[in-house]
Amino acid sequence: MIQYENLKRLNEPFETAFQEKYNEVIASGHYILGPSLQTFEKEFAAYHSVNYCVGVSNGLDAIILALKALNLPEDAEVIVPSNTYIATILAIVACNLKPVLVDPSINTYNIDPEKIKQCITQKTKVLLIVHLFGKMCAMDEIMAIKEKYKLYLIEDCAQAHGATYKNKLAGTFGEFGAFSFYPTKNLGALGDAGGIICNNETHYNTLLHLRNYGSLKKYYNDILGYNNRMDELQAAFLSVKLPYLNQMNSHRNKLASLYHQHLNKSKFILPSKDEHYFDVYHVFNIRSRDRDNLQKYLQDNGVGTLIHYPVAPHKQKALAHLFVGMEFPIADEIHSTTLSIPCSFCHTESEILQVIKVLNGFNA
């Protein structure tokens, strides 16, 4: 069986270094907001050539704190893609803001800049874009909209660690770049963790307060805050893997190139490619009108898959009341046809060639 993902296998090259870091953290006696977190924050900021990184508890909290740091009015509208993972929208709702869904491009699966323009009102304050599946959004157009309408920009980079648009890294365009380090991510911890990068010192100081009960000095709370801290162990583990992020992304690209070269394009719709983008293929998705039968066929023939995502956000029971009567046909099209196939640092080229052989044998 070629699994969709195998985290034990993915992390095997780092196990010795993980154990050493584990011993260091245990011996240090610092388990929360200690030197390991400070080190990783500096390293991750340096990787992106930005001033600051704030380690937090997970990717959802990264978006929530970024929104909170902007101190928006409660009726503010936040534009967000209609086909994102639900966490992006949950963050908006958690901040008592209004999510405004915008359909993506059917070619890139990322938010469509032309449709953004149609949804801007006087209450629009934030563009919350998502670099889905490891491909960045159309940043020239988005930055032009940001400047024209004087909007804040938050980048959800949960699936785009190391991705670039015209050689500029995901997370470095807007006020904030929000990251998840969930174990399956291109840069994954061994548990939940997240991070926020920024260049503005005021925003940085606000985030430091927000993640720690509104406090920088113990028992002195300057603002209303939360408990959203990354722990020392996860920071230490991430410091082990960060130097290998580009190598891991290059490996995913090699596997993706095999799919692009050898998959039967008359049977499947493949991800779009463009010379201005360096895609990191957190997800390699194909689309098929016969998606469900294709998934069963692959399972029966020893290939694991996932669907990102089977239900569009506006059709989720938890969110449906927010979007009554609204239609998002492009999101519906993507959610009903997309299938994610193996493309991870844990996979070998021979395994991907086997997946290709099985896929090309599918008859709809």
Protein backbone atom coordinates (compact mmCIF):
# COMPACT_ATOMS: atom_id res chain seq x y z
CA MET A 1 0.00 0.00 0.00
CA ILE A 2 1.32 3.45 -0.94
CA GLN A 3 -0.08 5.58 1.86
CA TYR A 4 -1.19 9.13 1.24
CA GLU A 5 1.15 10.20 4.04
CA ASN A 6 3.36 8.39 6.54
CA LEU A 7 4.55 10.75 9.25
CA LYS A 8 6.84 8.23 10.94
CA ARG A 9 8.66 7.64 7.69
CA LEU A 10 8.74 11.36 6.92
CA ASN A 11 10.38 12.18 10.24
CA GLU A 12 12.85 9.26 10.39
CA PRO A 13 15.78 11.32 9.01
CA PHE A 14 15.38 13.73 11.93
CA GLU A 15 14.87 11.28 14.80
CA THR A 16 18.40 11.49 16.24
CA ALA A 17 18.34 15.29 16.19
CA PHE A 18 14.84 15.28 17.70
CA GLN A 19 16.07 13.13 20.59
CA GLU A 20 19.01 15.47 21.21
CA LYS A 21 16.71 18.51 21.23
CA TYR A 22 14.27 16.71 23.51
CA ASN A 23 17.05 16.02 26.01
CA GLU A 24 18.21 19.64 25.82
CA VAL A 25 14.74 21.01 26.52
CA ILE A 26 14.11 18.64 29.41
CA ALA A 27 17.48 19.46 30.93
CA SER A 28 16.97 23.21 30.53
CA GLY A 29 13.94 23.43 32.82
CA HIS A 30 12.38 25.96 30.41
CA TYR A 31 9.21 24.53 28.87
CA ILE A 32 7.11 27.59 27.97
CA LEU A 33 8.35 30.84 26.32
CA GLY A 34 11.97 29.77 26.68
CA PRO A 35 15.15 29.83 24.60
CA SER A 36 14.06 27.16 22.10
CA LEU A 37 11.06 29.24 21.05
CA GLN A 38 13.16 32.40 20.84
CA THR A 39 15.66 30.59 18.63
CA PHE A 40 13.04 29.23 16.26
CA GLU A 41 11.30 32.59 16.02
CA LYS A 42 14.56 34.24 14.99
CA GLU A 43 15.31 31.46 12.50
CA PHE A 44 11.87 31.52 10.90
CA ALA A 45 11.91 35.32 10.64
CA ALA A 46 15.38 35.18 9.06
CA TYR A 47 14.25 32.53 6.57
CA HIS A 48 11.58 34.98 5.38
CA SER A 49 13.79 38.08 5.66
CA VAL A 50 11.24 39.74 7.94
CA ASN A 51 11.69 41.46 11.28
CA TYR A 52 9.57 39.30 13.54
CA CYS A 53 8.05 35.89 14.15
CA VAL A 54 5.68 35.02 17.00
CA GLY A 55 5.28 31.34 17.81
CA VAL A 56 1.72 30.37 18.74
CA SER A 57 -0.28 27.27 19.51
CA ASN A 58 -1.63 26.38 16.04
CA GLY A 59 -2.56 27.78 12.65
CA LEU A 60 -6.12 28.71 13.62
CA ASP A 61 -4.86 30.76 16.54
CA ALA A 62 -2.29 32.40 14.26
CA ILE A 63 -5.11 33.81 12.12
CA ILE A 64 -7.23 34.77 15.13
CA LEU A 65 -4.39 36.69 16.77
CA ALA A 66 -3.48 38.40 13.50
CA LEU A 67 -7.06 39.61 13.16
CA LYS A 68 -7.19 40.65 16.82
CA ALA A 69 -3.97 42.64 16.44
CA LEU A 70 -5.65 44.85 13.83
CA ASN A 71 -8.26 46.04 16.38
CA LEU A 72 -11.10 46.00 13.85
CA PRO A 73 -14.69 47.14 14.48
CA GLU A 74 -17.04 44.22 15.12
CA ASP A 75 -19.04 44.80 11.93
CA ALA A 76 -15.94 44.76 9.73
CA GLU A 77 -16.00 42.50 6.69
CA VAL A 78 -13.18 40.11 5.87
CA ILE A 79 -12.89 38.78 2.34
CA VAL A 80 -11.88 35.11 2.22
CA PRO A 81 -11.92 32.37 -0.45
CA SER A 82 -15.03 30.19 -0.59
CA ASN A 83 -13.06 26.95 -0.94
CA THR A 84 -10.65 27.31 1.96
CA TYR A 85 -10.39 24.94 4.90
CA ILE A 86 -12.97 25.86 7.53
CA ALA A 87 -10.32 27.08 10.00
CA THR A 88 -9.76 30.26 7.99
CA ILE A 89 -13.43 31.18 8.32
CA LEU A 90 -13.69 30.04 11.93
CA ALA A 91 -11.00 32.58 12.81
CA ILE A 92 -13.08 35.40 11.32
CA VAL A 93 -16.21 34.29 13.17
CA ALA A 94 -14.26 33.91 16.43
CA CYS A 95 -13.28 37.59 16.17
CA ASN A 96 -16.92 38.67 15.70
CA LEU A 97 -16.19 39.76 12.14
CA LYS A 98 -18.16 39.02 8.99
CA PRO A 99 -16.70 36.54 6.49
CA VAL A 100 -17.38 37.47 2.88
CA LEU A 101 -16.81 34.47 0.64
CA VAL A 102 -15.30 34.95 -2.81
CA ASP A 103 -15.09 32.14 -5.35
CA PRO A 104 -11.65 31.02 -6.55
CA SER A 105 -10.22 30.67 -10.02
CA ILE A 106 -11.06 27.24 -11.43
CA ASN A 107 -7.50 27.06 -12.77
CA THR A 108 -5.47 27.85 -9.65
CA TYR A 109 -8.03 27.12 -6.87
CA ASN A 110 -6.93 30.40 -5.27
CA ILE A 111 -9.13 33.44 -4.72
CA ASP A 112 -10.08 35.27 -7.93
CA PRO A 113 -8.92 38.93 -7.81
CA GLU A 114 -11.64 40.04 -10.23
CA LYS A 115 -14.32 38.62 -7.95
CA ILE A 116 -12.70 40.32 -4.94
CA LYS A 117 -13.40 43.71 -6.50
CA GLN A 118 -17.09 42.88 -6.81
CA CYS A 119 -17.37 42.16 -3.07
CA ILE A 120 -15.68 45.20 -1.55
CA THR A 121 -17.93 47.51 0.48
CA GLN A 122 -17.35 50.36 2.89
CA LYS A 123 -17.17 47.77 5.67
CA THR A 124 -14.43 45.72 4.00
CA LYS A 125 -11.26 45.97 6.09
CA VAL A 126 -9.23 42.84 5.44
CA LEU A 127 -8.22 40.56 2.60
CA LEU A 128 -7.60 37.15 4.16
CA ILE A 129 -6.13 35.17 1.30
CA VAL A 130 -5.15 31.50 1.31
CA HIS A 131 -2.23 30.09 -0.64
CA LEU A 132 -4.05 26.80 -1.13
CA PHE A 133 -2.33 23.47 -1.80
CA GLY A 134 1.10 25.16 -1.82
CA LYS A 135 0.49 27.58 -4.71
CA MET A 136 0.56 31.29 -4.02
CA CYS A 137 -2.24 33.64 -5.00
CA ALA A 138 -2.00 36.17 -7.84
CA MET A 139 -0.14 38.68 -5.72
CA ASP A 140 0.32 41.53 -8.21
CA GLU A 141 -3.43 41.86 -8.61
CA ILE A 142 -4.12 41.36 -4.91
CA MET A 143 -1.56 43.95 -3.84
CA ALA A 144 -3.06 46.44 -6.29
CA ILE A 145 -6.49 45.87 -4.70
CA LYS A 146 -5.02 46.20 -1.21
CA GLU A 147 -3.45 49.55 -2.05
CA LYS A 148 -6.41 50.94 -4.01
CA TYR A 149 -8.94 50.21 -1.28
CA LYS A 150 -6.52 50.66 1.65
CA LEU A 151 -7.16 47.19 3.07
CA TYR A 152 -5.18 45.06 5.48
CA LEU A 153 -3.77 41.83 4.06
CA ILE A 154 -3.36 38.61 6.03
CA GLU A 155 -1.87 35.61 4.23
CA ASP A 156 -2.95 32.16 5.36
CA CYS A 157 0.25 30.24 4.61
CA ALA A 158 -0.72 26.99 6.33
CA GLN A 159 -0.02 25.05 3.12
CA ALA A 160 2.65 27.29 1.58
CA HIS A 161 5.86 27.13 3.63
CA GLY A 162 8.61 28.16 1.21
CA ALA A 163 6.32 28.88 -1.75
CA THR A 164 7.16 31.97 -3.79
CA TYR A 165 5.61 34.37 -6.27
CA LYS A 166 8.21 36.12 -8.44
CA ASN A 167 10.85 34.97 -5.93
CA LYS A 168 9.07 36.56 -2.94
CA LEU A 169 8.04 34.18 -0.17
CA ALA A 170 4.51 33.48 0.98
CA GLY A 171 3.70 35.44 4.10
CA THR A 172 5.86 38.46 3.28
CA PHE A 173 3.40 40.54 1.24
CA GLY A 174 0.83 41.61 3.81
CA GLU A 175 0.64 42.84 7.39
CA PHE A 176 0.82 39.25 8.62
CA GLY A 177 1.71 35.79 7.37
CA ALA A 178 -0.06 33.09 9.42
CA PHE A 179 1.40 29.58 9.46
CA SER A 180 0.38 26.19 10.75
CA PHE A 181 3.05 23.67 11.72
CA TYR A 182 0.61 20.77 12.03
CA PRO A 183 2.58 17.53 11.56
CA THR A 184 1.51 17.00 7.92
CA LYS A 185 2.59 20.47 6.77
CA ASN A 186 5.65 21.05 4.58
CA LEU A 187 7.31 22.24 7.79
CA GLY A 188 5.57 20.14 10.40
CA ALA A 189 6.05 19.83 14.16
CA LEU A 190 5.36 16.69 16.19
CA GLY A 191 2.15 18.17 17.51
CA ASP A 192 0.16 21.37 17.16
CA ALA A 193 2.05 24.61 16.57
CA GLY A 194 1.69 27.81 14.58
CA GLY A 195 3.43 31.07 13.83
CA ILE A 196 2.87 34.63 12.65
CA ILE A 197 5.43 36.73 10.78
CA CYS A 198 5.34 40.50 10.38
CA ASN A 199 7.52 43.59 9.96
CA ASN A 200 5.64 46.11 12.09
CA GLU A 201 6.99 46.52 15.63
CA THR A 202 3.65 47.65 17.06
CA HIS A 203 1.89 44.61 15.60
CA TYR A 204 4.66 42.39 16.93
CA ASN A 205 4.35 43.72 20.47
CA THR A 206 0.58 43.35 20.33
CA LEU A 207 0.94 39.71 19.26
CA LEU A 208 3.39 39.01 22.09
CA HIS A 209 0.79 40.30 24.55
CA LEU A 210 -2.16 38.55 22.92
CA ARG A 211 -0.61 35.07 22.96
CA ASN A 212 0.24 35.29 26.68
CA TYR A 213 -2.83 36.53 28.58
CA GLY A 214 -2.17 40.12 27.49
CA SER A 215 1.07 40.11 29.46
CA LEU A 216 4.80 40.50 28.88
CA LYS A 217 5.66 40.72 32.58
CA LYS A 218 4.28 37.91 34.71
CA TYR A 219 1.09 38.83 36.58
CA TYR A 220 0.89 42.24 34.86
CA ASN A 221 -1.74 42.22 32.13
CA ASP A 222 -1.84 45.23 29.85
CA ILE A 223 -4.58 44.09 27.46
CA LEU A 224 -7.14 41.30 27.20
CA GLY A 225 -5.24 38.30 25.89
CA TYR A 226 -5.31 34.54 25.44
CA ASN A 227 -3.23 31.44 26.06
CA ASN A 228 -1.91 30.72 22.57
CA ARG A 229 1.78 29.90 23.08
CA MET A 230 3.96 27.46 21.17
CA ASP A 231 5.69 25.13 23.61
CA GLU A 232 9.45 24.68 23.78
CA LEU A 233 9.54 21.11 22.48
CA GLN A 234 7.70 21.92 19.28
CA ALA A 235 9.90 24.96 18.71
CA ALA A 236 13.00 22.83 19.18
CA PHE A 237 11.73 20.18 16.75
CA LEU A 238 10.90 22.84 14.16
CA SER A 239 14.42 24.26 14.44
CA VAL A 240 15.71 20.81 13.49
CA LYS A 241 13.61 20.67 10.32
CA LEU A 242 13.70 24.29 9.14
CA PRO A 243 17.18 24.04 7.51
CA TYR A 244 15.81 21.20 5.37
CA LEU A 245 12.60 22.94 4.26
CA ASN A 246 13.91 23.89 0.83
CA GLN A 247 15.24 20.36 0.30
CA MET A 248 11.91 18.85 1.31
CA ASN A 249 10.05 21.21 -1.02
CA SER A 250 12.41 20.37 -3.88
CA HIS A 251 11.67 16.70 -3.36
CA ARG A 252 7.93 17.37 -3.57
CA ASN A 253 8.57 19.30 -6.78
CA LYS A 254 10.41 16.34 -8.31
CA LEU A 255 7.49 14.08 -7.53
CA ALA A 256 5.03 16.63 -8.89
CA SER A 257 7.06 16.84 -12.10
CA LEU A 258 6.60 13.11 -12.59
CA TYR A 259 2.85 13.55 -12.34
CA HIS A 260 2.90 16.45 -14.79
CA GLN A 261 5.04 14.49 -17.24
CA HIS A 262 3.33 11.12 -17.15
CA LEU A 263 -0.27 11.39 -15.99
CA ASN A 264 -2.90 11.04 -18.70
CA LYS A 265 -4.20 14.58 -19.09
CA SER A 266 -7.20 13.39 -21.07
CA LYS A 267 -8.43 11.61 -17.94
CA PHE A 268 -7.51 14.05 -15.17
CA ILE A 269 -7.23 17.80 -14.64
CA LEU A 270 -3.83 18.56 -13.14
CA PRO A 271 -2.69 21.60 -11.11
CA SER A 272 -1.79 24.64 -13.19
CA LYS A 273 1.85 25.65 -13.62
CA ASP A 274 3.34 29.11 -14.19
CA GLU A 275 6.96 30.25 -14.37
CA HIS A 276 6.33 33.06 -11.86
CA TYR A 277 5.32 30.61 -9.14
CA PHE A 278 7.37 28.16 -7.12
CA ASP A 279 4.74 25.71 -5.89
CA VAL A 280 5.54 23.55 -2.87
CA TYR A 281 2.78 20.97 -3.44
CA HIS A 282 1.54 20.56 0.11
CA VAL A 283 -1.27 18.90 -1.81
CA PHE A 284 -1.03 17.51 -5.33
CA ASN A 285 -4.65 17.42 -6.39
CA ILE A 286 -6.22 16.14 -9.55
CA ARG A 287 -9.82 16.59 -10.59
CA SER A 288 -12.21 14.07 -12.08
CA ARG A 289 -15.96 14.05 -12.71
CA ASP A 290 -15.85 10.47 -11.45
CA ARG A 291 -13.91 11.36 -8.32
CA ASP A 292 -15.60 8.99 -5.88
CA ASN A 293 -15.19 5.94 -8.11
CA LEU A 294 -11.61 7.02 -8.83
CA GLN A 295 -10.84 7.16 -5.13
CA LYS A 296 -12.30 3.69 -4.58
CA TYR A 297 -10.35 2.34 -7.57
CA LEU A 298 -7.10 3.73 -6.16
CA GLN A 299 -7.82 2.31 -2.71
CA ASP A 300 -8.56 -1.10 -4.23
CA ASN A 301 -5.24 -0.91 -6.09
CA GLY A 302 -3.11 0.05 -3.11
CA VAL A 303 -2.97 3.84 -3.37
CA GLY A 304 -4.09 6.05 -0.50
CA THR A 305 -5.78 9.39 -1.18
CA LEU A 306 -7.56 12.21 0.61
CA ILE A 307 -10.14 14.79 -0.43
CA HIS A 308 -9.28 18.43 0.29
CA TYR A 309 -12.12 19.07 1.02
CA PRO A 310 -15.31 17.02 0.65
CA VAL A 311 -17.67 19.78 1.86
CA ALA A 312 -17.47 23.45 0.90
CA PRO A 313 -17.48 25.87 3.88
CA HIS A 314 -20.83 27.44 2.99
CA LYS A 315 -22.40 23.97 3.16
CA GLN A 316 -20.91 23.04 6.54
CA LYS A 317 -23.59 22.75 9.21
CA ALA A 318 -21.63 25.04 11.54
CA LEU A 319 -21.47 27.86 8.99
CA ALA A 320 -24.54 27.39 6.79
CA HIS A 321 -26.56 30.05 8.65
CA LEU A 322 -24.05 32.70 7.60
CA PHE A 323 -24.50 32.07 3.88
CA VAL A 324 -28.19 31.34 3.41
CA GLY A 325 -29.23 31.74 -0.22
CA MET A 326 -25.67 32.35 -1.40
CA GLU A 327 -24.14 30.33 -4.21
CA PHE A 328 -20.48 29.62 -4.86
CA PRO A 329 -20.45 27.48 -8.01
CA ILE A 330 -16.68 27.36 -8.50
CA ALA A 331 -16.13 26.17 -4.94
CA ASP A 332 -18.85 23.54 -5.42
CA GLU A 333 -17.19 22.38 -8.64
CA ILE A 334 -13.81 22.02 -6.96
CA HIS A 335 -15.10 20.31 -3.82
CA SER A 336 -17.05 17.75 -5.85
CA THR A 337 -14.21 16.80 -8.22
CA THR A 338 -10.91 17.20 -6.36
CA LEU A 339 -8.76 14.30 -5.17
CA SER A 340 -5.37 14.54 -3.45
CA ILE A 341 -2.82 11.91 -4.41
CA PRO A 342 0.50 10.98 -2.72
CA CYS A 343 3.20 13.67 -2.99
CA SER A 344 5.19 13.93 0.22
CA PHE A 345 8.78 14.07 1.42
CA CYS A 346 8.20 10.49 2.60
CA HIS A 347 7.51 9.18 -0.92
CA THR A 348 10.04 7.89 -3.42
CA GLU A 349 10.07 8.50 -7.16
CA SER A 350 9.45 4.80 -7.79
CA GLU A 351 6.33 4.93 -5.62
CA ILE A 352 5.00 7.91 -7.55
CA LEU A 353 5.67 6.14 -10.85
CA GLN A 354 3.61 3.24 -9.51
CA VAL A 355 0.79 5.64 -8.56
CA ILE A 356 0.92 7.06 -12.09
CA LYS A 357 0.70 3.58 -13.58
CA VAL A 358 -2.37 2.80 -11.49
CA LEU A 359 -4.01 6.15 -12.25
CA ASN A 360 -3.50 5.85 -15.99
CA GLY A 361 -5.21 2.47 -15.84
CA PHE A 362 -8.43 3.98 -14.53
CA ASN A 363 -11.40 3.82 -16.88
CA ALA A 364 -14.25 6.12 -15.95
